[in-house]
Amino acid sequence: MPSSAQVASAPPEPVRVPLVKEPWGIWKTLATARRNLLEILPEMAVTQPIVSGRTGKRWHMVMDPPSLRRILKEQVADYPKSVVTKNILRPAIGDSLFVAEGQHWHWQRRAAAPVFSMRNIENLGPVMTHAAERASKRLMAASGRATDLYDEMVTTTFEVISDVTFSGDEGFDRDTIHRAIDNYIDQTARISLLDILGLPGWVPRPARIMSSGALRQMKRVADQAIEARAGSGRPPSRAPDLLDLLLKGEDPQTGRRMTTPELRDNLLTFIVAGHETTALTLAWALYLCALDQTVQHHARHEAQSVLQGRAAIADDLAALPLVRRIIDESLRLYPPAAMLSRTAMRADRLCGREIRPGDTVILPIYALHRNRLLWEAPDAFRPERFADPAAIDRFACLPFGAGPRVCIGAGFAIQEAVIILATLLSRFRFSLVPGRLPRPVMILTLRPQGGVWLEVEAI
């Protein structure tokens, strides 16, 4: 149990990204963006509804919920994903759901939507529970010393996504997939000068060309696993996994099914998004619980009361409201996809500002979630904000996006995060390691640079 002094003392503010207070030129912007994309955000972005400028080409950062509703829902066809986003992601995941536009996106979404139904997500719950048990065993062995919880959560969530994607495929080389994904995010997903200048995608980006060998190998491994499954079928004794469901999936309007390359690109999208983003959410949540021992104490009490020593299961989610609020507040403070961008296709006006065709429209989710016009004490960790989700503007909190292109795996991610966090909080106490604070750095996702080092104590 924490001491009365621990419970009574106010926690310090969580770590945050330093924002820009003066105009920068192209070279400084590029150097900073390659190191940490969020550090190019102007401080005005947390005090204004829109900020505009020109760095190579015209851009607008939008933090206004009604305007975000227009971009993401009402006029979504007029604001497709930007050329920069497509240039960065297409080499790894092709024209999958995350990148595709128009009819190519629509039919894939219709074919994949049943895969992520609530029933199918709940059926995958045992995989998440087993991963939580395995993580508990590893942390039990580390009890009494400092451990990098980010590294542990990456291991845990990759176990989940690989088990629910290629379950039972012992010949599937998971390490190759994992290494290729990490290499791509660390090296080739960094923005280039050509991106900032707005050059088209057919102009080569040297770093992305150099990574093509690892990407080709990753795709070959996935293709082989897909073709082997399609040829052999699924043993009747095993529950269907994501690959089985996608193989059976079809567009209800046309009957069209995905080809092997389309299956592979979407599966790789789910693997990247399905383990990286959830690992980040859990790592940041554990850091925040270590920062605020009072919140951790109450969440542990809730989890222990519900679980009674066992690991959490999907059916427990409704009985774990505080654990869910911790996840929601972690996603607010440290959204994995902390910055999105769109390209305006038509003339428009947002917040009274002229938008021209070709302008880059940036959705800085990190700044939106900390905007002082929308949130009280926005830099503070307060899970109670989400006690009544209906009181929060739908377009003021966008960790999974919104509108027709809302993240298809949001329900999967939330279920997984709550199961794992509740299980760990019920069994361990987490404390900060002096001098080892994480640093929020965004390349493709918002990662804790240096890891999340916490003291782990079994209860």
Protein backbone atom coordinates (compact mmCIF):
# COMPACT_ATOMS: atom_id res chain seq x y z
CA MET A 1 0.00 0.00 0.00
CA PRO A 2 1.28 3.54 -0.74
CA SER A 3 2.01 5.76 2.26
CA SER A 4 -0.38 8.57 3.22
CA ALA A 5 2.27 11.05 2.03
CA GLN A 6 2.33 9.40 -1.41
CA VAL A 7 -1.46 9.49 -1.68
CA ALA A 8 -1.78 13.09 -0.49
CA SER A 9 1.01 14.72 -2.53
CA ALA A 10 0.20 16.21 -5.92
CA PRO A 11 2.04 14.45 -8.74
CA PRO A 12 4.33 16.41 -11.07
CA GLU A 13 3.17 17.15 -14.61
CA PRO A 14 3.92 14.40 -17.13
CA VAL A 15 6.73 14.92 -19.64
CA ARG A 16 5.80 16.87 -22.75
CA VAL A 17 7.24 18.08 -26.05
CA PRO A 18 8.84 21.57 -26.20
CA LEU A 19 6.96 23.65 -28.77
CA VAL A 20 8.30 26.35 -31.11
CA LYS A 21 8.14 29.98 -29.98
CA GLU A 22 9.67 31.67 -33.06
CA PRO A 23 9.55 31.27 -36.86
CA TRP A 24 11.99 28.76 -38.39
CA GLY A 25 13.40 28.30 -41.88
CA ILE A 26 13.32 25.14 -43.99
CA TRP A 27 16.66 23.69 -42.86
CA LYS A 28 16.01 24.01 -39.15
CA THR A 29 12.49 22.68 -39.63
CA LEU A 30 13.81 19.68 -41.57
CA ALA A 31 16.56 18.89 -39.04
CA THR A 32 14.09 19.10 -36.16
CA ALA A 33 11.35 17.13 -37.95
CA ARG A 34 13.75 14.26 -38.66
CA ARG A 35 14.69 14.18 -34.97
CA ASN A 36 11.20 14.70 -33.53
CA LEU A 37 8.32 15.71 -35.76
CA LEU A 38 6.33 17.17 -32.86
CA GLU A 39 9.04 19.69 -32.05
CA ILE A 40 8.11 21.69 -35.17
CA LEU A 41 4.67 22.45 -33.66
CA PRO A 42 4.30 26.16 -32.82
CA GLU A 43 3.30 26.98 -29.27
CA MET A 44 0.32 28.87 -30.74
CA ALA A 45 -1.15 25.51 -31.69
CA VAL A 46 -2.21 24.91 -28.08
CA THR A 47 -3.84 28.34 -27.73
CA GLN A 48 -5.47 28.92 -31.16
CA PRO A 49 -8.03 27.06 -33.32
CA ILE A 50 -5.88 27.35 -36.49
CA VAL A 51 -2.30 28.30 -37.33
CA SER A 52 -1.12 28.86 -40.92
CA GLY A 53 2.24 29.36 -42.59
CA ARG A 54 4.53 28.40 -45.46
CA THR A 55 7.56 26.11 -45.31
CA GLY A 56 8.19 25.20 -48.92
CA LYS A 57 4.39 25.17 -49.45
CA ARG A 58 1.32 26.56 -47.72
CA TRP A 59 0.12 24.70 -44.63
CA HIS A 60 -2.58 25.04 -41.97
CA MET A 61 -2.66 23.37 -38.55
CA VAL A 62 -6.26 22.84 -37.41
CA MET A 63 -7.26 22.44 -33.75
CA ASP A 64 -10.91 23.47 -34.10
CA PRO A 65 -13.46 20.64 -33.54
CA PRO A 66 -16.08 21.92 -36.05
CA SER A 67 -13.38 22.28 -38.72
CA LEU A 68 -12.03 18.82 -37.90
CA ARG A 69 -15.54 17.44 -38.27
CA ARG A 70 -15.64 19.01 -41.74
CA ILE A 71 -12.26 17.55 -42.73
CA LEU A 72 -12.77 14.06 -41.32
CA LYS A 73 -16.49 13.53 -41.81
CA GLU A 74 -18.53 16.06 -43.74
CA GLN A 75 -16.10 16.82 -46.60
CA VAL A 76 -13.78 13.82 -46.27
CA ALA A 77 -13.42 13.39 -50.06
CA ASP A 78 -12.06 16.93 -50.33
CA TYR A 79 -9.27 16.19 -47.83
CA PRO A 80 -7.50 12.94 -48.81
CA LYS A 81 -4.37 11.82 -47.00
CA SER A 82 -1.40 13.95 -47.95
CA VAL A 83 1.26 13.01 -50.47
CA VAL A 84 3.82 12.97 -47.64
CA THR A 85 1.80 10.39 -45.69
CA LYS A 86 1.41 8.19 -48.76
CA ASN A 87 5.09 8.51 -49.72
CA ILE A 88 6.15 7.38 -46.24
CA LEU A 89 3.71 4.49 -45.81
CA ARG A 90 3.10 3.06 -49.29
CA PRO A 91 6.51 1.29 -49.60
CA ALA A 92 5.66 -0.75 -46.49
CA ILE A 93 1.89 -1.26 -46.67
CA GLY A 94 0.96 -0.56 -50.30
CA ASP A 95 -2.55 0.69 -51.05
CA SER A 96 -4.06 -0.91 -47.95
CA LEU A 97 -6.92 0.55 -45.94
CA PHE A 98 -4.71 3.13 -44.26
CA VAL A 99 -3.45 4.63 -47.53
CA ALA A 100 -6.09 3.90 -50.19
CA GLU A 101 -8.59 6.50 -51.36
CA GLY A 102 -11.97 6.54 -53.09
CA GLN A 103 -13.54 3.33 -54.32
CA HIS A 104 -10.39 1.27 -53.64
CA TRP A 105 -10.65 2.26 -49.99
CA HIS A 106 -14.43 1.78 -49.86
CA TRP A 107 -14.47 -1.82 -51.04
CA GLN A 108 -11.58 -2.82 -48.77
CA ARG A 109 -13.32 -1.24 -45.80
CA ARG A 110 -16.57 -3.07 -46.58
CA ALA A 111 -14.70 -6.37 -46.89
CA ALA A 112 -12.68 -5.89 -43.67
CA ALA A 113 -15.35 -4.32 -41.42
CA PRO A 114 -16.93 -7.66 -40.32
CA VAL A 115 -13.48 -8.90 -39.28
CA PHE A 116 -13.44 -6.26 -36.55
CA SER A 117 -16.99 -6.76 -35.32
CA MET A 118 -17.46 -6.69 -31.55
CA ARG A 119 -18.16 -10.42 -31.57
CA ASN A 120 -14.92 -11.26 -33.38
CA ILE A 121 -12.91 -8.92 -31.15
CA GLU A 122 -14.34 -10.54 -28.02
CA ASN A 123 -13.52 -13.99 -29.45
CA LEU A 124 -9.87 -12.90 -29.66
CA GLY A 125 -9.88 -11.94 -25.98
CA PRO A 126 -8.25 -15.19 -24.76
CA VAL A 127 -5.14 -14.40 -26.83
CA MET A 128 -4.87 -11.05 -25.03
CA THR A 129 -5.41 -12.70 -21.65
CA HIS A 130 -2.66 -15.26 -22.32
CA ALA A 131 -0.29 -12.46 -23.37
CA ALA A 132 -1.07 -10.63 -20.11
CA GLU A 133 -0.22 -13.80 -18.19
CA ARG A 134 3.08 -14.20 -20.04
CA ALA A 135 3.96 -10.54 -19.38
CA SER A 136 3.18 -11.08 -15.69
CA LYS A 137 5.59 -14.01 -15.55
CA ARG A 138 8.36 -11.98 -17.14
CA LEU A 139 7.77 -9.06 -14.78
CA MET A 140 7.65 -11.39 -11.80
CA ALA A 141 11.19 -12.45 -12.68
CA ALA A 142 12.16 -8.76 -12.83
CA SER A 143 10.49 -7.82 -9.53
CA GLY A 144 12.64 -5.60 -7.34
CA ARG A 145 14.58 -3.94 -10.14
CA ALA A 146 14.18 -1.36 -12.89
CA THR A 147 12.68 -2.61 -16.14
CA ASP A 148 12.00 -0.97 -19.51
CA LEU A 149 8.21 -1.30 -19.67
CA TYR A 150 8.11 0.02 -23.23
CA ASP A 151 10.28 -2.85 -24.42
CA GLU A 152 8.14 -5.27 -22.41
CA MET A 153 4.90 -3.91 -23.86
CA VAL A 154 6.29 -4.16 -27.42
CA THR A 155 7.03 -7.83 -26.74
CA THR A 156 3.59 -8.39 -25.23
CA THR A 157 1.55 -6.69 -27.94
CA PHE A 158 3.57 -8.27 -30.75
CA GLU A 159 2.74 -11.65 -29.23
CA VAL A 160 -0.94 -10.69 -29.38
CA ILE A 161 -0.99 -9.40 -32.95
CA SER A 162 1.10 -12.24 -34.33
CA ASP A 163 -1.06 -14.81 -32.51
CA VAL A 164 -4.34 -13.32 -33.74
CA THR A 165 -3.00 -12.82 -37.26
CA PHE A 166 -1.02 -16.02 -37.99
CA SER A 167 -2.02 -18.28 -35.12
CA GLY A 168 -0.77 -21.84 -35.42
CA ASP A 169 1.64 -21.04 -38.26
CA GLU A 170 4.81 -22.28 -36.62
CA GLY A 171 6.77 -21.76 -39.83
CA PHE A 172 5.88 -18.07 -40.01
CA ASP A 173 9.04 -16.01 -39.38
CA ARG A 174 7.72 -13.45 -36.89
CA ASP A 175 11.19 -12.11 -36.10
CA THR A 176 11.74 -11.09 -39.72
CA ILE A 177 8.49 -9.17 -39.75
CA HIS A 178 9.28 -7.50 -36.42
CA ARG A 179 12.81 -6.47 -37.43
CA ALA A 180 11.67 -5.07 -40.77
CA ILE A 181 8.92 -3.01 -39.14
CA ASP A 182 11.28 -1.58 -36.52
CA ASN A 183 13.91 -0.76 -39.14
CA TYR A 184 11.35 0.99 -41.31
CA ILE A 185 9.96 3.12 -38.48
CA ASP A 186 13.40 3.98 -37.12
CA GLN A 187 15.05 4.88 -40.41
CA THR A 188 12.92 5.32 -43.50
CA ALA A 189 9.72 6.76 -42.03
CA ARG A 190 11.54 10.01 -41.28
CA ILE A 191 10.39 13.02 -43.27
CA SER A 192 12.74 14.24 -46.01
CA LEU A 193 13.51 17.63 -47.52
CA LEU A 194 11.68 16.49 -50.65
CA ASP A 195 8.58 15.87 -48.53
CA ILE A 196 8.75 19.33 -46.96
CA LEU A 197 9.21 20.96 -50.37
CA GLY A 198 6.15 19.10 -51.61
CA LEU A 199 7.83 17.16 -54.43
CA PRO A 200 5.69 14.36 -55.92
CA GLY A 201 5.99 10.75 -54.82
CA TRP A 202 7.73 9.58 -58.01
CA VAL A 203 10.84 11.61 -57.04
CA PRO A 204 13.07 9.03 -55.26
CA ARG A 205 13.74 9.33 -51.53
CA PRO A 206 17.19 7.73 -51.04
CA ALA A 207 16.61 6.42 -47.50
CA ARG A 208 13.45 4.61 -48.58
CA ILE A 209 15.20 3.03 -51.55
CA MET A 210 17.96 1.73 -49.25
CA SER A 211 15.40 -0.01 -47.02
CA SER A 212 13.67 -1.80 -49.89
CA GLY A 213 15.50 -5.10 -49.34
CA ALA A 214 14.17 -5.58 -45.80
CA LEU A 215 10.67 -4.59 -46.94
CA ARG A 216 10.74 -7.08 -49.82
CA GLN A 217 11.79 -9.83 -47.43
CA MET A 218 8.99 -8.90 -45.02
CA LYS A 219 6.45 -9.06 -47.84
CA ARG A 220 7.77 -12.41 -49.08
CA VAL A 221 7.37 -13.93 -45.61
CA ALA A 222 3.80 -12.63 -45.33
CA ASP A 223 2.90 -13.78 -48.87
CA GLN A 224 4.18 -17.30 -48.17
CA ALA A 225 2.15 -17.52 -44.95
CA ILE A 226 -1.02 -16.29 -46.68
CA GLU A 227 -0.68 -18.70 -49.61
CA ALA A 228 0.07 -21.61 -47.28
CA ARG A 229 -3.05 -20.88 -45.24
CA ALA A 230 -5.21 -20.42 -48.34
CA GLY A 231 -4.00 -23.77 -49.66
CA SER A 232 -4.25 -25.82 -46.49
CA GLY A 233 -7.28 -24.29 -44.83
CA ARG A 234 -7.91 -24.00 -41.11
CA PRO A 235 -8.12 -27.02 -38.77
CA PRO A 236 -11.74 -27.28 -37.50
CA SER A 237 -10.47 -27.44 -33.92
CA ARG A 238 -8.98 -23.93 -34.08
CA ALA A 239 -10.94 -20.70 -33.83
CA PRO A 240 -10.55 -18.41 -36.87
CA ASP A 241 -7.88 -15.72 -36.63
CA LEU A 242 -7.60 -12.43 -38.55
CA LEU A 243 -6.09 -14.12 -41.60
CA ASP A 244 -8.93 -16.66 -41.75
CA LEU A 245 -11.51 -13.92 -41.44
CA LEU A 246 -9.88 -11.80 -44.14
CA LEU A 247 -9.56 -14.78 -46.48
CA LYS A 248 -13.31 -15.30 -46.17
CA GLY A 249 -14.14 -11.59 -46.26
CA GLU A 250 -15.74 -10.06 -49.31
CA ASP A 251 -17.28 -6.79 -50.37
CA PRO A 252 -21.01 -7.29 -49.66
CA GLN A 253 -21.87 -5.08 -52.64
CA THR A 254 -19.69 -6.72 -55.29
CA GLY A 255 -18.55 -10.05 -53.81
CA ARG A 256 -14.95 -9.07 -54.49
CA ARG A 257 -12.28 -10.68 -52.31
CA MET A 258 -8.75 -9.54 -51.58
CA THR A 259 -5.84 -10.86 -53.62
CA THR A 260 -2.71 -12.13 -51.88
CA PRO A 261 -0.92 -8.74 -52.21
CA GLU A 262 -4.01 -6.93 -50.88
CA LEU A 263 -4.31 -9.38 -47.99
CA ARG A 264 -0.62 -8.98 -47.24
CA ASP A 265 -0.67 -5.18 -47.29
CA ASN A 266 -3.67 -5.05 -44.98
CA LEU A 267 -2.28 -7.69 -42.62
CA LEU A 268 1.01 -5.78 -42.40
CA THR A 269 -1.01 -2.63 -41.68
CA PHE A 270 -2.83 -4.43 -38.86
CA ILE A 271 0.45 -5.85 -37.52
CA VAL A 272 2.16 -2.44 -37.46
CA ALA A 273 -0.84 -0.61 -36.03
CA GLY A 274 -1.96 -3.49 -33.86
CA HIS A 275 1.20 -3.86 -31.82
CA GLU A 276 3.04 -0.52 -32.05
CA THR A 277 0.14 1.72 -31.07
CA THR A 278 -1.13 -0.51 -28.25
CA ALA A 279 2.39 -1.01 -26.89
CA LEU A 280 2.82 2.76 -26.81
CA THR A 281 -0.52 3.29 -25.09
CA LEU A 282 0.33 0.75 -22.40
CA ALA A 283 3.87 2.04 -21.86
CA TRP A 284 2.68 5.62 -21.46
CA ALA A 285 -0.19 4.47 -19.20
CA LEU A 286 2.23 2.64 -16.90
CA TYR A 287 4.49 5.70 -16.81
CA LEU A 288 1.52 7.91 -15.86
CA CYS A 289 0.42 5.46 -13.15
CA ALA A 290 3.96 5.46 -11.75
CA LEU A 291 3.89 9.26 -11.82
CA ASP A 292 0.58 9.44 -9.93
CA GLN A 293 0.58 6.85 -7.18
CA THR A 294 -2.93 7.86 -6.07
CA VAL A 295 -4.42 6.96 -9.43
CA GLN A 296 -2.38 3.76 -9.48
CA HIS A 297 -3.62 2.85 -5.99
CA HIS A 298 -7.30 3.29 -6.95
CA ALA A 299 -6.87 1.44 -10.25
CA ARG A 300 -5.14 -1.45 -8.48
CA HIS A 301 -7.98 -1.68 -5.98
CA GLU A 302 -10.52 -1.75 -8.83
CA ALA A 303 -8.59 -4.41 -10.75
CA GLN A 304 -7.98 -6.61 -7.71
CA SER A 305 -11.65 -6.41 -6.69
CA VAL A 306 -12.78 -7.55 -10.13
CA LEU A 307 -10.07 -10.07 -10.99
CA GLN A 308 -9.52 -11.76 -7.62
CA GLY A 309 -6.04 -12.90 -8.63
CA ARG A 310 -6.76 -14.06 -12.19
CA ALA A 311 -5.86 -12.28 -15.43
CA ALA A 312 -8.45 -9.99 -17.01
CA ILE A 313 -10.74 -11.22 -19.79
CA ALA A 314 -12.88 -9.44 -22.35
CA ASP A 315 -16.00 -9.78 -20.20
CA ASP A 316 -14.33 -7.71 -17.45
CA LEU A 317 -14.11 -4.48 -19.41
CA ALA A 318 -17.39 -2.99 -18.20
CA ALA A 319 -16.33 -3.57 -14.57
CA LEU A 320 -13.01 -1.72 -15.03
CA PRO A 321 -14.06 1.90 -15.69
CA LEU A 322 -11.03 3.54 -14.04
CA VAL A 323 -8.58 1.35 -15.97
CA ARG A 324 -10.41 2.37 -19.16
CA ARG A 325 -10.19 6.06 -18.20
CA ILE A 326 -6.44 5.71 -17.64
CA ILE A 327 -6.16 4.31 -21.17
CA ASP A 328 -8.27 7.16 -22.57
CA GLU A 329 -6.23 9.83 -20.76
CA SER A 330 -2.98 8.20 -21.88
CA LEU A 331 -4.24 8.35 -25.47
CA ARG A 332 -5.08 12.02 -24.97
CA LEU A 333 -1.67 12.97 -23.57
CA TYR A 334 0.39 10.72 -25.83
CA PRO A 335 -1.65 9.81 -28.95
CA PRO A 336 0.33 7.21 -30.95
CA ALA A 337 -0.64 8.91 -34.22
CA ALA A 338 0.16 12.37 -32.90
CA MET A 339 0.07 14.20 -36.22
CA LEU A 340 -1.94 13.55 -39.38
CA SER A 341 -1.93 15.46 -42.65
CA ARG A 342 -4.32 15.96 -45.53
CA THR A 343 -4.14 17.70 -48.91
CA ALA A 344 -6.96 20.11 -49.76
CA MET A 345 -8.45 19.23 -53.16
CA ARG A 346 -10.89 22.15 -53.36
CA ALA A 347 -11.06 25.73 -52.19
CA ASP A 348 -12.58 25.98 -48.71
CA ARG A 349 -12.65 28.08 -45.56
CA LEU A 350 -11.74 26.78 -42.11
CA CYS A 351 -12.05 29.04 -39.07
CA GLY A 352 -12.47 31.93 -41.53
CA ARG A 353 -9.10 31.11 -43.14
CA GLU A 354 -8.80 30.62 -46.93
CA ILE A 355 -7.84 27.07 -47.92
CA ARG A 356 -6.54 26.68 -51.47
CA PRO A 357 -6.37 23.49 -53.55
CA GLY A 358 -3.00 21.85 -52.89
CA ASP A 359 -2.58 23.30 -49.40
CA THR A 360 -1.39 20.89 -46.73
CA VAL A 361 -3.88 20.66 -43.87
CA ILE A 362 -2.21 19.30 -40.73
CA LEU A 363 -4.17 17.70 -37.90
CA PRO A 364 -1.75 17.99 -34.96
CA ILE A 365 -3.55 15.59 -32.62
CA TYR A 366 -0.93 16.17 -29.92
CA ALA A 367 -1.68 19.93 -29.92
CA LEU A 368 -5.45 19.36 -30.22
CA HIS A 369 -5.41 17.19 -27.10
CA ARG A 370 -3.54 19.91 -25.18
CA ASN A 371 -5.35 22.93 -26.59
CA ARG A 372 -6.23 25.38 -23.83
CA LEU A 373 -9.45 26.38 -25.57
CA LEU A 374 -10.73 22.82 -25.23
CA TRP A 375 -9.23 21.31 -22.06
CA GLU A 376 -8.80 22.40 -18.45
CA ALA A 377 -5.20 21.93 -17.24
CA PRO A 378 -4.44 20.15 -20.53
CA ASP A 379 -0.92 19.03 -19.58
CA ALA A 380 -2.08 17.32 -16.37
CA PHE A 381 -2.87 13.61 -16.00
CA ARG A 382 -6.54 13.46 -15.00
CA PRO A 383 -8.33 10.23 -15.93
CA GLU A 384 -11.53 11.58 -14.37
CA ARG A 385 -11.97 13.75 -17.50
CA PHE A 386 -13.40 10.65 -19.17
CA ALA A 387 -15.93 9.79 -16.45
CA ASP A 388 -18.60 11.08 -18.85
CA PRO A 389 -17.35 10.57 -22.42
CA ALA A 390 -20.51 12.21 -23.78
CA ALA A 391 -19.37 15.50 -22.24
CA ILE A 392 -16.27 15.58 -24.48
CA ASP A 393 -16.64 16.92 -28.03
CA ARG A 394 -16.18 13.96 -30.39
CA PHE A 395 -13.75 15.98 -32.50
CA ALA A 396 -11.70 17.33 -29.58
CA CYS A 397 -10.19 13.92 -28.81
CA LEU A 398 -9.03 11.94 -31.83
CA PRO A 399 -6.56 9.20 -30.89
CA PHE A 400 -8.19 6.90 -33.47
CA GLY A 401 -9.36 9.57 -35.89
CA ALA A 402 -13.07 10.00 -36.67
CA GLY A 403 -15.59 9.86 -39.46
CA PRO A 404 -15.72 7.09 -42.08
CA ARG A 405 -11.94 6.55 -41.83
CA VAL A 406 -11.88 6.08 -38.07
CA CYS A 407 -9.37 3.38 -37.11
CA ILE A 408 -10.99 0.02 -37.89
CA GLY A 409 -9.08 -1.63 -35.03
CA ALA A 410 -9.95 0.86 -32.27
CA GLY A 411 -12.15 -1.63 -30.39
CA PHE A 412 -9.45 -4.30 -30.63
CA ALA A 413 -6.81 -1.90 -29.25
CA ILE A 414 -8.94 -0.72 -26.32
CA GLN A 415 -9.89 -4.26 -25.31
CA GLU A 416 -6.27 -5.40 -25.45
CA ALA A 417 -4.99 -2.38 -23.51
CA VAL A 418 -7.55 -2.71 -20.71
CA ILE A 419 -6.98 -6.48 -20.34
CA ILE A 420 -3.20 -6.10 -20.08
CA LEU A 421 -3.15 -2.96 -17.92
CA ALA A 422 -5.71 -4.29 -15.43
CA THR A 423 -3.82 -7.57 -15.09
CA LEU A 424 -0.47 -5.86 -14.47
CA LEU A 425 -1.82 -3.24 -12.05
CA SER A 426 -3.51 -5.97 -10.01
CA ARG A 427 -0.20 -7.82 -9.55
CA PHE A 428 2.55 -5.18 -9.50
CA ARG A 429 3.40 -1.74 -8.15
CA PHE A 430 5.22 0.57 -10.55
CA SER A 431 7.43 3.49 -9.50
CA LEU A 432 9.55 6.02 -11.40
CA VAL A 433 13.30 5.51 -11.70
CA PRO A 434 15.06 8.78 -10.74
CA GLY A 435 16.80 10.34 -13.71
CA ARG A 436 15.21 7.99 -16.26
CA LEU A 437 12.20 9.93 -17.54
CA PRO A 438 10.97 9.07 -21.06
CA ARG A 439 11.11 11.72 -23.78
CA PRO A 440 8.16 11.94 -26.20
CA VAL A 441 9.56 11.67 -29.73
CA MET A 442 7.56 11.21 -32.91
CA ILE A 443 8.98 9.75 -36.11
CA LEU A 444 6.01 7.74 -37.36
CA THR A 445 4.45 7.18 -33.93
CA LEU A 446 4.87 8.94 -30.58
CA ARG A 447 7.48 6.82 -28.81
CA PRO A 448 9.13 7.22 -25.38
CA GLN A 449 12.75 7.81 -26.34
CA GLY A 450 15.03 6.07 -23.87
CA GLY A 451 12.27 3.65 -22.89
CA VAL A 452 9.89 3.70 -19.93
CA TRP A 453 12.09 2.60 -17.05
CA LEU A 454 10.09 1.78 -13.92
CA GLU A 455 10.77 -0.03 -10.67
CA VAL A 456 8.61 -3.15 -10.63
CA GLU A 457 7.47 -4.65 -7.33
CA ALA A 458 5.32 -7.78 -7.15
CA ILE A 459 2.40 -7.50 -4.72
